[in-house]
N, C-alpha and C. Protein backbone atom coordinates (compact mmCIF):
# COMPACT_ATOMS: atom_id res chain seq x y z
N UNK A 1 64.00 55.72 61.41
CA UNK A 1 63.15 56.47 60.54
C UNK A 1 63.10 57.99 60.74
N UNK A 2 63.00 58.81 59.74
CA UNK A 2 63.01 60.02 59.83
C UNK A 2 61.53 60.61 60.17
N UNK A 3 61.74 61.96 60.89
CA UNK A 3 60.50 62.34 61.19
C UNK A 3 59.15 62.73 59.91
N UNK A 4 60.31 62.85 58.81
CA UNK A 4 59.09 63.17 57.51
C UNK A 4 58.56 61.36 57.49
N UNK A 5 59.31 60.27 57.22
CA UNK A 5 58.76 59.40 57.19
C UNK A 5 57.70 58.83 58.21
N UNK A 6 57.90 59.20 59.53
CA UNK A 6 57.08 58.77 60.67
C UNK A 6 55.49 59.56 60.47
N UNK A 7 55.93 60.87 60.14
CA UNK A 7 54.65 61.91 59.99
C UNK A 7 53.73 60.94 58.85
N UNK A 8 54.44 60.85 57.53
CA UNK A 8 53.70 60.23 56.70
C UNK A 8 53.16 58.65 57.00
N UNK A 9 53.64 58.34 57.82
CA UNK A 9 52.92 56.88 58.37
C UNK A 9 51.94 57.33 59.18
N UNK A 10 51.88 58.16 59.89
CA UNK A 10 51.06 58.63 60.94
C UNK A 10 50.09 59.09 60.19
N UNK A 11 49.76 59.86 59.21
CA UNK A 11 48.85 60.40 58.40
C UNK A 11 47.94 59.45 57.79
N UNK A 12 49.08 58.44 57.46
CA UNK A 12 48.36 57.31 56.21
C UNK A 12 47.06 56.54 57.05
N UNK A 13 47.66 56.22 58.84
CA UNK A 13 47.46 55.34 59.61
C UNK A 13 45.75 56.20 60.11
N UNK A 14 46.28 57.62 60.09
CA UNK A 14 45.00 58.54 60.53
C UNK A 14 43.96 58.58 59.48
N UNK A 15 44.11 58.35 58.20
CA UNK A 15 43.43 58.29 57.08
C UNK A 15 42.25 57.07 57.34
N UNK A 16 43.35 56.01 57.49
CA UNK A 16 42.81 54.65 57.71
C UNK A 16 41.87 54.41 58.62
N UNK A 17 42.14 55.11 59.85
CA UNK A 17 41.17 55.43 61.03
C UNK A 17 40.31 55.74 60.78
N UNK A 18 39.90 56.89 60.30
CA UNK A 18 38.75 58.06 59.94
C UNK A 18 37.91 57.08 59.07
N UNK A 19 38.56 56.52 58.15
CA UNK A 19 37.61 55.44 57.02
C UNK A 19 36.99 54.62 57.77
N UNK A 20 37.35 53.99 59.00
CA UNK A 20 36.79 53.31 59.80
C UNK A 20 36.15 53.47 61.10
N UNK A 21 35.85 55.09 60.66
CA UNK A 21 34.91 55.77 61.74
C UNK A 21 35.61 55.67 63.07
N UNK A 22 36.88 55.30 63.04
CA UNK A 22 37.27 55.51 64.56
C UNK A 22 38.35 56.86 64.59
N UNK A 23 37.43 58.05 64.87
CA UNK A 23 38.00 59.01 64.84
C UNK A 23 38.74 59.82 66.08
N UNK A 24 38.43 59.11 67.14
CA UNK A 24 39.31 59.19 68.18
C UNK A 24 40.87 58.81 67.94
N UNK A 25 41.22 57.65 67.59
CA UNK A 25 42.57 57.18 67.10
C UNK A 25 42.64 57.96 65.84
N UNK A 26 42.07 58.16 65.19
CA UNK A 26 42.59 59.06 64.11
C UNK A 26 43.12 60.48 64.41
N UNK A 27 42.26 61.25 65.11
CA UNK A 27 42.56 62.27 65.55
C UNK A 27 43.62 62.33 66.40
N UNK A 28 44.03 61.23 67.23
CA UNK A 28 45.33 60.90 67.90
C UNK A 28 46.58 61.01 67.30
N UNK A 29 46.40 60.30 66.07
CA UNK A 29 47.44 59.94 65.32
C UNK A 29 47.98 61.50 64.75
N UNK A 30 47.15 62.10 64.08
CA UNK A 30 47.12 63.43 63.44
C UNK A 30 47.75 64.40 64.49
N UNK A 31 47.21 64.56 65.48
CA UNK A 31 47.96 65.43 66.60
C UNK A 31 49.50 65.01 66.80
N UNK A 32 49.80 63.35 66.91
CA UNK A 32 51.11 63.47 67.40
C UNK A 32 51.71 63.65 65.47
N UNK A 33 51.24 63.78 64.86
CA UNK A 33 52.05 63.88 63.24
C UNK A 33 52.14 65.58 63.65
N UNK A 34 51.30 66.15 64.00
CA UNK A 34 51.57 67.53 64.27
C UNK A 34 52.86 67.90 65.29
N UNK A 35 52.29 67.41 66.11
CA UNK A 35 53.39 67.50 67.31
C UNK A 35 54.86 67.46 66.83
N UNK A 36 54.87 66.33 66.07
CA UNK A 36 56.52 66.09 65.50
C UNK A 36 56.91 66.84 64.27
N UNK A 37 56.00 67.74 63.63
CA UNK A 37 55.92 68.30 62.42
C UNK A 37 56.98 69.69 62.81
N UNK A 38 58.06 69.79 61.62
CA UNK A 38 58.60 70.87 61.97
C UNK A 38 57.57 72.16 61.07
N UNK A 39 58.16 73.03 61.76
CA UNK A 39 57.12 74.42 61.29
C UNK A 39 57.36 74.71 59.87
N UNK A 40 58.41 74.31 59.59
CA UNK A 40 58.50 74.58 57.62
C UNK A 40 58.22 73.88 56.98
N UNK A 41 57.66 72.28 57.46
CA UNK A 41 57.25 71.11 56.53
C UNK A 41 55.98 71.52 56.04
N UNK A 42 55.58 72.57 55.27
CA UNK A 42 54.29 72.99 54.66
C UNK A 42 53.49 71.98 54.18
N UNK A 43 54.14 70.82 53.32
CA UNK A 43 53.25 69.94 52.83
C UNK A 43 52.54 69.03 54.10
N UNK A 44 53.59 68.71 54.76
CA UNK A 44 52.90 68.00 55.76
C UNK A 44 51.85 68.73 56.67
N UNK A 45 52.23 70.17 57.21
CA UNK A 45 51.00 70.82 57.69
C UNK A 45 49.84 70.63 56.73
N UNK A 46 49.95 71.03 55.53
CA UNK A 46 48.92 70.95 54.54
C UNK A 46 47.93 69.82 54.77
N UNK A 47 48.73 68.52 54.91
CA UNK A 47 47.88 67.44 54.68
C UNK A 47 47.19 67.13 56.28
N UNK A 48 48.00 67.68 57.40
CA UNK A 48 47.53 67.81 58.56
C UNK A 48 46.35 68.30 58.71
N UNK A 49 46.54 69.49 58.14
CA UNK A 49 45.21 70.26 58.53
C UNK A 49 44.08 70.30 57.33
N UNK A 50 44.12 69.51 56.31
CA UNK A 50 43.19 68.66 55.32
C UNK A 50 42.33 67.67 56.08
N UNK A 51 43.12 66.74 56.83
CA UNK A 51 42.43 65.57 57.46
C UNK A 51 41.76 66.50 58.80
N UNK A 52 42.19 67.19 59.30
CA UNK A 52 41.27 67.86 60.35
C UNK A 52 40.03 68.86 59.77
N UNK A 53 40.23 69.31 58.69
CA UNK A 53 38.94 69.58 57.62
C UNK A 53 38.21 68.56 57.26
N UNK A 54 38.50 67.54 57.20
CA UNK A 54 37.89 66.20 56.77
C UNK A 54 36.84 65.79 57.87
N UNK A 55 37.62 65.77 59.07
CA UNK A 55 36.94 65.46 60.48
C UNK A 55 35.38 66.38 60.79
N UNK A 56 35.97 67.66 60.46
CA UNK A 56 34.97 68.37 60.23
C UNK A 56 33.53 68.23 59.27
N UNK A 57 34.34 68.11 58.26
CA UNK A 57 33.19 68.01 56.87
C UNK A 57 32.55 66.72 57.36
N UNK A 58 33.03 65.75 57.85
CA UNK A 58 32.28 64.23 58.23
C UNK A 58 31.30 64.35 59.22
N UNK A 59 31.59 65.58 60.23
CA UNK A 59 30.76 66.00 61.24
C UNK A 59 29.96 67.18 60.98
N UNK A 60 29.65 66.99 59.73
CA UNK A 60 28.82 67.96 59.34
C UNK A 60 28.85 69.27 59.78
N UNK A 61 30.39 70.00 59.81
CA UNK A 61 30.36 71.08 60.31
C UNK A 61 31.00 71.80 59.00
N UNK A 62 30.34 72.38 58.19
CA UNK A 62 31.03 72.91 56.98
C UNK A 62 31.52 74.40 57.15
N UNK A 63 31.27 74.89 58.24
CA UNK A 63 31.75 76.15 58.56
C UNK A 63 33.41 76.29 58.88
N UNK A 64 33.36 75.56 59.68
CA UNK A 64 34.99 74.81 60.49
C UNK A 64 35.91 74.34 59.56
N UNK A 65 35.19 73.02 58.83
CA UNK A 65 36.19 72.78 57.77
C UNK A 65 36.55 73.61 56.59
N UNK A 66 35.74 74.71 56.41
CA UNK A 66 36.03 75.71 55.40
C UNK A 66 37.53 76.20 55.92
N UNK A 67 37.22 76.81 57.26
CA UNK A 67 38.48 77.34 57.67
C UNK A 67 39.42 76.60 58.01
N UNK A 68 39.50 75.42 58.01
CA UNK A 68 40.25 74.51 58.32
C UNK A 68 41.02 73.80 56.89
N UNK A 69 40.28 74.13 55.98
CA UNK A 69 40.70 74.00 54.62
C UNK A 69 41.63 74.96 54.11
N UNK A 70 41.06 76.12 54.30
CA UNK A 70 41.88 77.47 53.99
C UNK A 70 43.12 77.26 54.58
N UNK A 71 43.42 76.90 55.84
CA UNK A 71 44.64 76.99 56.53
C UNK A 71 45.59 75.77 55.84
N UNK A 72 44.71 74.79 55.63
CA UNK A 72 45.60 73.74 54.74
C UNK A 72 46.18 74.25 53.52
N UNK A 73 45.17 75.15 52.85
CA UNK A 73 45.66 75.85 51.29
C UNK A 73 47.10 76.88 51.44
N UNK A 74 46.42 77.42 52.68
CA UNK A 74 47.87 78.44 52.70
C UNK A 74 49.26 77.61 53.07
N UNK A 75 49.39 76.57 53.75
CA UNK A 75 50.42 75.64 53.80
C UNK A 75 50.96 75.09 52.42
N UNK A 76 49.82 74.56 51.66
CA UNK A 76 50.23 74.22 50.17
C UNK A 76 50.48 75.42 49.68
N UNK A 77 50.33 76.41 49.43
CA UNK A 77 50.99 77.69 48.76
C UNK A 77 52.35 77.81 49.17
N UNK A 78 52.55 77.59 50.50
CA UNK A 78 54.14 77.91 51.07
C UNK A 78 54.82 76.78 50.41
N UNK A 79 54.16 75.82 50.51
CA UNK A 79 55.20 74.80 49.79
C UNK A 79 55.05 74.85 48.12
N UNK A 80 54.46 75.86 47.57
CA UNK A 80 54.36 75.51 46.10
C UNK A 80 54.41 74.71 45.47
N UNK A 81 53.03 74.09 46.04
CA UNK A 81 52.64 72.48 45.41
C UNK A 81 51.43 72.60 44.72
N UNK A 82 51.16 73.02 43.55
CA UNK A 82 50.40 73.00 42.40
C UNK A 82 49.31 72.01 42.37
N UNK A 83 49.69 70.79 42.85
CA UNK A 83 48.48 69.64 42.82
C UNK A 83 47.74 69.94 44.06
N UNK A 84 48.19 70.33 45.12
CA UNK A 84 47.69 70.18 46.47
C UNK A 84 46.89 71.22 46.59
N UNK A 85 47.48 72.86 46.15
CA UNK A 85 46.82 73.59 45.98
C UNK A 85 45.37 73.78 45.24
N UNK A 86 45.37 73.06 44.29
CA UNK A 86 44.39 72.99 43.21
C UNK A 86 43.08 72.02 44.18
N UNK A 87 43.85 70.86 44.46
CA UNK A 87 42.81 69.72 45.80
C UNK A 87 42.09 70.42 46.40
N UNK A 88 42.91 71.38 47.27
CA UNK A 88 42.66 72.39 48.62
C UNK A 88 41.41 73.21 48.29
N UNK A 89 41.94 73.99 46.98
CA UNK A 89 41.21 74.99 46.44
C UNK A 89 39.65 74.35 45.87
N UNK A 90 39.57 73.26 45.69
CA UNK A 90 38.42 72.37 45.08
C UNK A 90 37.47 72.24 46.38
N UNK A 91 38.16 71.72 46.96
CA UNK A 91 37.58 71.45 48.49
C UNK A 91 37.14 72.63 49.16
N UNK A 92 37.74 73.75 49.09
CA UNK A 92 36.98 75.12 49.59
C UNK A 92 35.88 75.42 48.76
N UNK A 93 36.00 75.38 47.44
CA UNK A 93 34.60 75.43 46.52
C UNK A 93 33.40 74.68 46.83
N UNK A 94 33.82 73.31 47.29
CA UNK A 94 32.84 72.32 47.59
C UNK A 94 32.35 72.84 48.97
N UNK A 95 32.97 73.25 49.89
CA UNK A 95 32.24 73.84 51.23
C UNK A 95 31.78 74.97 51.03
N UNK A 96 32.29 75.99 50.16
CA UNK A 96 31.38 76.97 49.72
C UNK A 96 29.99 76.95 49.26
N UNK A 97 30.15 75.85 48.34
CA UNK A 97 29.02 75.97 47.41
C UNK A 97 27.86 74.89 48.79
N UNK A 98 28.16 74.23 49.51
CA UNK A 98 27.38 73.93 50.66
C UNK A 98 26.74 74.79 51.38
N UNK A 99 27.84 75.69 51.59
CA UNK A 99 27.12 76.87 52.61
C UNK A 99 26.33 78.01 51.97
N UNK A 100 25.91 77.78 50.55
CA UNK A 100 25.41 78.86 50.11
C UNK A 100 26.20 79.97 49.42
N UNK A 101 27.44 79.75 49.60
CA UNK A 101 28.27 80.91 48.75
C UNK A 101 28.92 80.55 47.51
N UNK A 102 27.64 80.71 46.54
CA UNK A 102 27.95 80.11 44.82
C UNK A 102 28.89 80.86 44.17
N UNK A 103 29.01 82.35 44.43
CA UNK A 103 29.45 83.23 43.76
C UNK A 103 31.05 82.67 44.09
N UNK A 104 31.66 82.53 45.48
CA UNK A 104 32.59 82.31 45.91
C UNK A 104 33.19 80.99 45.29
N UNK A 105 32.21 79.84 45.57
CA UNK A 105 32.97 78.69 45.22
C UNK A 105 33.21 78.87 43.43
N UNK A 106 32.01 79.44 42.77
CA UNK A 106 32.15 79.62 41.13
C UNK A 106 33.90 80.05 41.03
N UNK A 107 34.25 80.90 41.75
CA UNK A 107 35.65 81.43 41.43
C UNK A 107 36.73 80.31 41.95
N UNK A 108 36.08 79.74 42.90
CA UNK A 108 37.64 78.77 43.22
C UNK A 108 37.28 77.63 42.62
N UNK A 109 36.27 76.98 41.88
CA UNK A 109 36.58 76.05 41.06
C UNK A 109 37.07 76.41 39.44
N UNK A 110 36.61 77.59 39.12
CA UNK A 110 37.58 77.87 38.18
C UNK A 110 39.19 77.91 38.36
N UNK A 111 39.36 78.28 39.88
CA UNK A 111 40.54 78.57 40.01
C UNK A 111 41.49 76.93 40.02
N UNK A 112 40.50 76.32 40.64
CA UNK A 112 41.15 74.78 40.76
C UNK A 112 41.33 74.17 39.56
N UNK A 113 40.36 74.50 38.81
CA UNK A 113 40.31 74.01 36.82
C UNK A 113 41.65 74.03 36.48
N UNK A 114 41.49 75.52 36.38
CA UNK A 114 42.95 76.61 35.87
C UNK A 114 44.09 75.57 36.22
N UNK A 115 44.22 75.51 37.63
CA UNK A 115 45.56 74.76 38.14
C UNK A 115 45.70 73.36 37.36
N UNK A 116 44.66 72.94 37.49
CA UNK A 116 44.97 71.53 37.06
C UNK A 116 45.29 71.04 35.50
N UNK A 117 44.58 72.57 34.76
CA UNK A 117 44.92 72.36 33.44
C UNK A 117 46.41 72.91 33.39
N UNK A 118 46.82 73.55 33.98
CA UNK A 118 48.06 74.31 33.83
C UNK A 118 49.41 73.36 33.98
N UNK A 119 48.98 72.33 35.15
CA UNK A 119 49.99 71.44 35.78
C UNK A 119 50.21 70.30 34.81
N UNK A 120 51.05 70.16 33.86
CA UNK A 120 51.11 68.88 33.49
C UNK A 120 51.07 67.46 34.16
N UNK A 121 51.48 67.84 35.47
CA UNK A 121 51.60 66.51 36.18
C UNK A 121 50.21 66.07 37.00
N UNK A 122 49.03 66.90 36.75
CA UNK A 122 48.28 67.01 37.48
C UNK A 122 47.29 65.43 37.01
N UNK A 123 46.44 64.82 37.33
CA UNK A 123 45.75 63.58 37.21
C UNK A 123 44.42 63.91 36.69
N UNK A 124 44.26 63.15 35.64
CA UNK A 124 42.95 63.50 34.88
C UNK A 124 41.79 63.50 35.34
N UNK A 125 42.13 62.31 36.80
CA UNK A 125 40.65 62.05 37.38
C UNK A 125 40.40 63.53 38.33
N UNK A 126 41.48 63.84 38.90
CA UNK A 126 41.37 65.04 39.73
C UNK A 126 40.76 66.31 38.99
N UNK A 127 41.26 66.52 37.63
CA UNK A 127 40.41 67.43 36.84
C UNK A 127 38.90 67.06 36.61
N UNK A 128 38.87 66.15 36.26
CA UNK A 128 37.32 65.43 36.33
C UNK A 128 36.19 65.69 37.25
N UNK A 129 36.90 65.07 38.05
CA UNK A 129 35.96 65.72 39.65
C UNK A 129 35.77 66.84 39.94
N UNK A 130 36.66 67.77 39.70
CA UNK A 130 36.61 69.19 39.91
C UNK A 130 35.75 69.74 38.82
N UNK A 131 35.79 69.42 37.55
CA UNK A 131 34.63 69.74 36.48
C UNK A 131 33.06 69.16 37.11
N UNK A 132 33.38 68.25 37.40
CA UNK A 132 32.00 67.59 37.96
C UNK A 132 31.29 68.50 39.04
N UNK A 133 31.97 68.73 40.10
CA UNK A 133 31.34 69.78 41.03
C UNK A 133 31.36 71.00 40.51
N UNK A 134 32.19 71.72 39.63
CA UNK A 134 31.91 72.95 38.84
C UNK A 134 30.53 72.84 38.08
N UNK A 135 30.25 71.69 37.33
CA UNK A 135 28.96 71.01 36.70
C UNK A 135 27.83 71.37 37.27
N UNK A 136 27.83 71.09 38.43
CA UNK A 136 26.59 70.72 39.41
C UNK A 136 26.48 72.19 40.29
N UNK A 137 27.52 72.86 40.39
CA UNK A 137 27.37 74.56 40.61
C UNK A 137 26.63 75.14 39.53
N UNK A 138 27.22 75.22 38.63
CA UNK A 138 26.59 75.96 37.47
C UNK A 138 25.08 75.37 37.14
N UNK A 139 24.60 74.30 37.54
CA UNK A 139 23.10 73.85 37.48
C UNK A 139 22.72 74.80 38.15
N UNK A 140 23.21 74.46 39.71
CA UNK A 140 22.15 74.99 40.80
C UNK A 140 21.85 76.74 40.67
N UNK A 141 22.89 77.16 39.99
CA UNK A 141 22.79 78.59 39.67
C UNK A 141 22.51 79.19 38.30
N UNK A 142 21.78 77.94 37.80
CA UNK A 142 20.98 78.33 36.45
C UNK A 142 21.96 78.63 35.16
N UNK A 143 22.96 78.36 35.23
CA UNK A 143 24.04 78.40 33.86
C UNK A 143 24.42 77.22 33.29
N UNK A 144 23.20 77.13 32.75
CA UNK A 144 22.57 75.84 31.97
C UNK A 144 23.69 75.86 30.44
N UNK A 145 23.70 76.59 29.78
CA UNK A 145 24.62 76.08 28.56
C UNK A 145 25.96 75.90 28.89
N UNK A 146 26.52 76.84 30.14
CA UNK A 146 27.91 76.39 30.42
C UNK A 146 28.07 75.18 31.14
N UNK A 147 27.17 74.89 31.85
CA UNK A 147 27.07 73.77 32.60
C UNK A 147 27.12 72.45 31.75
N UNK A 148 26.48 72.55 30.63
CA UNK A 148 26.60 71.48 29.47
C UNK A 148 27.63 71.34 28.95
N UNK A 149 28.48 72.41 28.69
CA UNK A 149 30.09 72.50 28.08
C UNK A 149 30.68 71.64 29.17
N UNK A 150 30.67 71.98 30.68
CA UNK A 150 31.35 71.43 31.66
C UNK A 150 30.93 69.88 31.60
N UNK A 151 29.64 69.46 31.44
CA UNK A 151 29.41 67.93 31.52
C UNK A 151 29.94 67.52 30.20
N UNK A 152 30.22 67.76 29.47
CA UNK A 152 30.56 67.22 28.27
C UNK A 152 32.25 66.95 28.45
N UNK A 153 32.56 67.88 28.64
CA UNK A 153 34.22 67.73 29.01
C UNK A 153 34.34 66.92 30.00
N UNK A 154 33.61 66.96 31.12
CA UNK A 154 33.79 65.97 32.35
C UNK A 154 33.51 64.39 31.64
N UNK A 155 32.16 64.26 31.12
CA UNK A 155 32.39 62.79 30.57
C UNK A 155 33.67 62.54 29.80
N UNK A 156 34.08 63.16 28.80
CA UNK A 156 34.97 62.82 28.35
C UNK A 156 36.57 62.30 29.08
N UNK A 157 36.35 62.98 30.16
CA UNK A 157 37.59 62.93 30.90
C UNK A 157 37.64 61.52 31.82
N UNK A 158 35.96 61.26 32.10
CA UNK A 158 35.71 59.97 32.52
C UNK A 158 36.09 58.86 31.68
N UNK A 159 35.64 58.96 30.35
CA UNK A 159 35.54 57.94 29.49
C UNK A 159 37.16 57.41 29.55
N UNK A 160 37.94 58.83 29.50
CA UNK A 160 39.76 58.53 29.38
C UNK A 160 40.11 57.69 30.42
N UNK A 161 39.73 57.81 31.59
CA UNK A 161 40.06 56.86 32.34
C UNK A 161 39.41 55.92 32.94
N UNK A 162 38.11 55.52 32.20
CA UNK A 162 37.01 54.45 32.01
C UNK A 162 36.82 54.31 33.56
N UNK A 163 36.08 55.47 34.14
CA UNK A 163 35.59 55.51 35.08
C UNK A 163 33.77 55.68 34.75
N UNK A 164 33.17 54.46 34.55
CA UNK A 164 31.84 54.24 33.84
C UNK A 164 30.68 55.11 34.88
N UNK A 165 30.49 54.96 36.01
CA UNK A 165 30.13 55.96 36.98
C UNK A 165 29.79 56.89 36.60
N UNK A 166 31.14 57.87 36.52
CA UNK A 166 31.28 59.29 35.75
C UNK A 166 30.84 59.55 34.68
N UNK A 167 30.69 58.53 33.90
CA UNK A 167 30.41 58.94 32.21
C UNK A 167 28.78 58.50 32.40
N UNK A 168 28.19 57.58 33.17
CA UNK A 168 26.72 57.63 33.43
C UNK A 168 26.15 58.94 33.77
N UNK A 169 26.82 59.35 34.97
CA UNK A 169 26.43 60.64 35.83
C UNK A 169 26.38 61.71 34.97
N UNK A 170 27.41 61.66 33.86
CA UNK A 170 27.54 62.81 32.81
C UNK A 170 26.57 62.91 31.79
N UNK A 171 26.29 61.40 31.35
CA UNK A 171 25.03 61.33 30.13
C UNK A 171 23.75 61.73 30.86
N UNK A 172 23.65 61.17 32.08
CA UNK A 172 22.25 61.88 32.84
C UNK A 172 22.13 63.14 33.02
N UNK A 173 23.02 64.19 33.07
CA UNK A 173 23.06 65.15 33.77
C UNK A 173 23.11 65.99 31.91
N UNK A 174 23.38 65.64 31.14
CA UNK A 174 23.64 65.93 30.10
C UNK A 174 22.13 65.80 29.36
N UNK A 175 21.50 64.79 29.49
CA UNK A 175 20.22 64.25 29.00
C UNK A 175 19.08 65.35 29.35
N UNK A 176 19.06 65.41 30.67
CA UNK A 176 18.60 66.11 31.47
C UNK A 176 18.20 68.01 31.50
N UNK A 177 19.61 68.17 30.71
CA UNK A 177 20.00 69.80 30.47
C UNK A 177 19.68 70.03 29.25
N UNK A 178 19.75 69.02 27.96
CA UNK A 178 19.59 69.25 26.78
C UNK A 178 18.31 69.54 26.35
């Protein structure tokens, strides 16, 4: 098995262990993946630091999670991976919003959404999720007219992928805002 395959396997197992709540095993798997990872395997390093970020987010440590997410993003930028750049940028915005850094979060949501829209290979669900989070931030900041527009787009995208929970949430938000 190649190192690349082994790293992917270790990280997939780590993600499963994390979901099961077995953080010790999960962390050990990520550390092993990092140990065998080449210094120029930027996609793998991006994923490794994404998982480290998730550990901190799960532990209610958003400042540390933000630091790790920025490190993940830096690797994805070196890999020139637009999907992962957008995904990490959205997570940075989520964490900034949680930390009350609303202006920074707004800029990062706008950037993530731009990347998703510009990349023909982007998932509709990923774009919808980014728009959803952006809509929540706009509401929080009192930018109601723009929030309404964003929730309308979010609803359309969730309808396109038949995600009824997303459609229902968008309808609830729109009814409350209009």
